[in-house]
Amino acid sequence: MSNQADHTIVRLRVPPELKQKIEKSAEGNNRSQSSEMVARLEQSFSYDEKLPSIALEYAKQALLNEQNWKKGLKMIMDLQDQVEKQNKLIEKLDGDKQK
């Protein structure tokens, strides 16, 4: 934190388990528990701001995956049609040979 003059004191009650997580995370990040809580709160607001664009990108990818799936299915169906046509042609040629 920069200094106490540019911050507001907020009293906050948290469950003991959460307090332990804050302590451990603050120690791991080499900052005070207060700085850790501020950083995590700021991160959550940043995430909220990014969420609409993340959701839009996810929707685009889902749509592309569906379109690609449909293209793949159409290719398989076209190949099946070609195989059926070739099989009929082979049967016809085999029938002509036997005559």
Protein backbone atom coordinates (compact mmCIF):
# COMPACT_ATOMS: atom_id res chain seq x y z
CA MET A 1 0.00 0.00 0.00
CA SER A 2 1.17 3.50 -0.75
CA ASN A 3 0.24 5.20 2.55
CA GLN A 4 -2.58 5.32 5.04
CA ALA A 5 -3.75 8.81 4.05
CA ASP A 6 -5.10 7.70 0.70
CA HIS A 7 -6.99 4.67 2.02
CA THR A 8 -10.18 4.15 3.99
CA ILE A 9 -10.32 1.75 6.91
CA VAL A 10 -12.89 -1.00 6.46
CA ARG A 11 -13.72 -3.51 9.15
CA LEU A 12 -14.49 -6.90 7.71
CA ARG A 13 -15.57 -10.14 9.35
CA VAL A 14 -14.42 -13.30 7.59
CA PRO A 15 -14.59 -17.00 8.48
CA PRO A 16 -11.41 -18.35 10.11
CA GLU A 17 -10.71 -20.58 7.10
CA LEU A 18 -10.74 -17.57 4.76
CA LYS A 19 -8.49 -15.62 7.15
CA GLN A 20 -5.98 -18.49 7.00
CA LYS A 21 -6.07 -18.45 3.20
CA ILE A 22 -5.48 -14.69 3.18
CA GLU A 23 -2.55 -15.05 5.58
CA LYS A 24 -0.97 -17.82 3.54
CA SER A 25 -1.49 -16.03 0.23
CA ALA A 26 -0.18 -12.71 1.59
CA GLU A 27 2.94 -14.44 2.86
CA GLY A 28 3.44 -16.20 -0.48
CA ASN A 29 3.03 -12.91 -2.37
CA ASN A 30 5.29 -11.05 0.08
CA ARG A 31 2.74 -8.44 1.06
CA SER A 32 0.56 -7.51 4.03
CA GLN A 33 -2.79 -9.17 4.56
CA SER A 34 -4.45 -5.83 3.87
CA SER A 35 -2.58 -5.48 0.56
CA GLU A 36 -3.49 -9.06 -0.30
CA MET A 37 -7.19 -8.40 0.27
CA VAL A 38 -7.05 -5.17 -1.78
CA ALA A 39 -5.25 -6.94 -4.63
CA ARG A 40 -7.77 -9.77 -4.66
CA LEU A 41 -10.72 -7.40 -4.60
CA GLU A 42 -9.24 -5.37 -7.46
CA GLN A 43 -8.64 -8.59 -9.38
CA SER A 44 -12.29 -9.62 -8.93
CA PHE A 45 -13.50 -6.29 -10.33
CA SER A 46 -11.09 -6.59 -13.24
CA TYR A 47 -12.51 -10.06 -13.93
CA ASP A 48 -16.06 -8.64 -13.85
CA GLU A 49 -15.06 -6.07 -16.47
CA LYS A 50 -13.50 -8.74 -18.70
CA LEU A 51 -16.30 -11.28 -18.28
CA PRO A 52 -18.52 -10.03 -21.13
CA SER A 53 -15.67 -10.25 -23.65
CA ILE A 54 -14.65 -13.67 -22.30
CA ALA A 55 -18.24 -14.88 -22.65
CA LEU A 56 -18.44 -13.49 -26.19
CA GLU A 57 -15.22 -15.25 -27.18
CA TYR A 58 -16.48 -18.49 -25.67
CA ALA A 59 -19.73 -18.16 -27.63
CA LYS A 60 -17.79 -17.52 -30.86
CA GLN A 61 -15.64 -20.61 -30.27
CA ALA A 62 -18.72 -22.71 -29.51
CA LEU A 63 -20.35 -21.52 -32.73
CA LEU A 64 -17.20 -22.26 -34.75
CA ASN A 65 -16.99 -25.71 -33.19
CA GLU A 66 -20.61 -26.38 -34.10
CA GLN A 67 -20.08 -25.14 -37.65
CA ASN A 68 -16.98 -27.29 -38.00
CA TRP A 69 -18.85 -30.27 -36.60
CA LYS A 70 -21.63 -29.76 -39.15
CA LYS A 71 -19.08 -29.46 -41.97
CA GLY A 72 -17.41 -32.67 -40.81
CA LEU A 73 -20.75 -34.46 -40.64
CA LYS A 74 -21.64 -33.28 -44.15
CA MET A 75 -18.28 -34.55 -45.43
CA ILE A 76 -18.93 -37.96 -43.87
CA MET A 77 -22.41 -38.11 -45.38
CA ASP A 78 -21.03 -37.13 -48.80
CA LEU A 79 -18.39 -39.85 -48.53
CA GLN A 80 -21.07 -42.38 -47.61
CA ASP A 81 -23.04 -41.38 -50.71
CA GLN A 82 -19.94 -41.79 -52.86
CA VAL A 83 -19.23 -45.24 -51.39
CA GLU A 84 -22.83 -46.31 -52.03
CA LYS A 85 -22.63 -45.11 -55.63
CA GLN A 86 -19.34 -46.95 -56.14
CA ASN A 87 -20.78 -50.12 -54.61
CA LYS A 88 -23.78 -49.95 -56.97
CA LEU A 89 -21.46 -49.42 -59.92
CA ILE A 90 -19.34 -52.41 -58.85
CA GLU A 91 -22.47 -54.56 -58.50
CA LYS A 92 -23.62 -53.46 -61.95
CA LEU A 93 -20.23 -54.21 -63.48
CA ASP A 94 -20.14 -57.61 -61.76
CA GLY A 95 -23.63 -58.33 -63.09
CA ASP A 96 -22.60 -57.31 -66.64
CA LYS A 97 -19.55 -59.63 -66.42
CA GLN A 98 -21.69 -62.61 -65.50
CA LYS A 99 -23.97 -62.17 -68.55
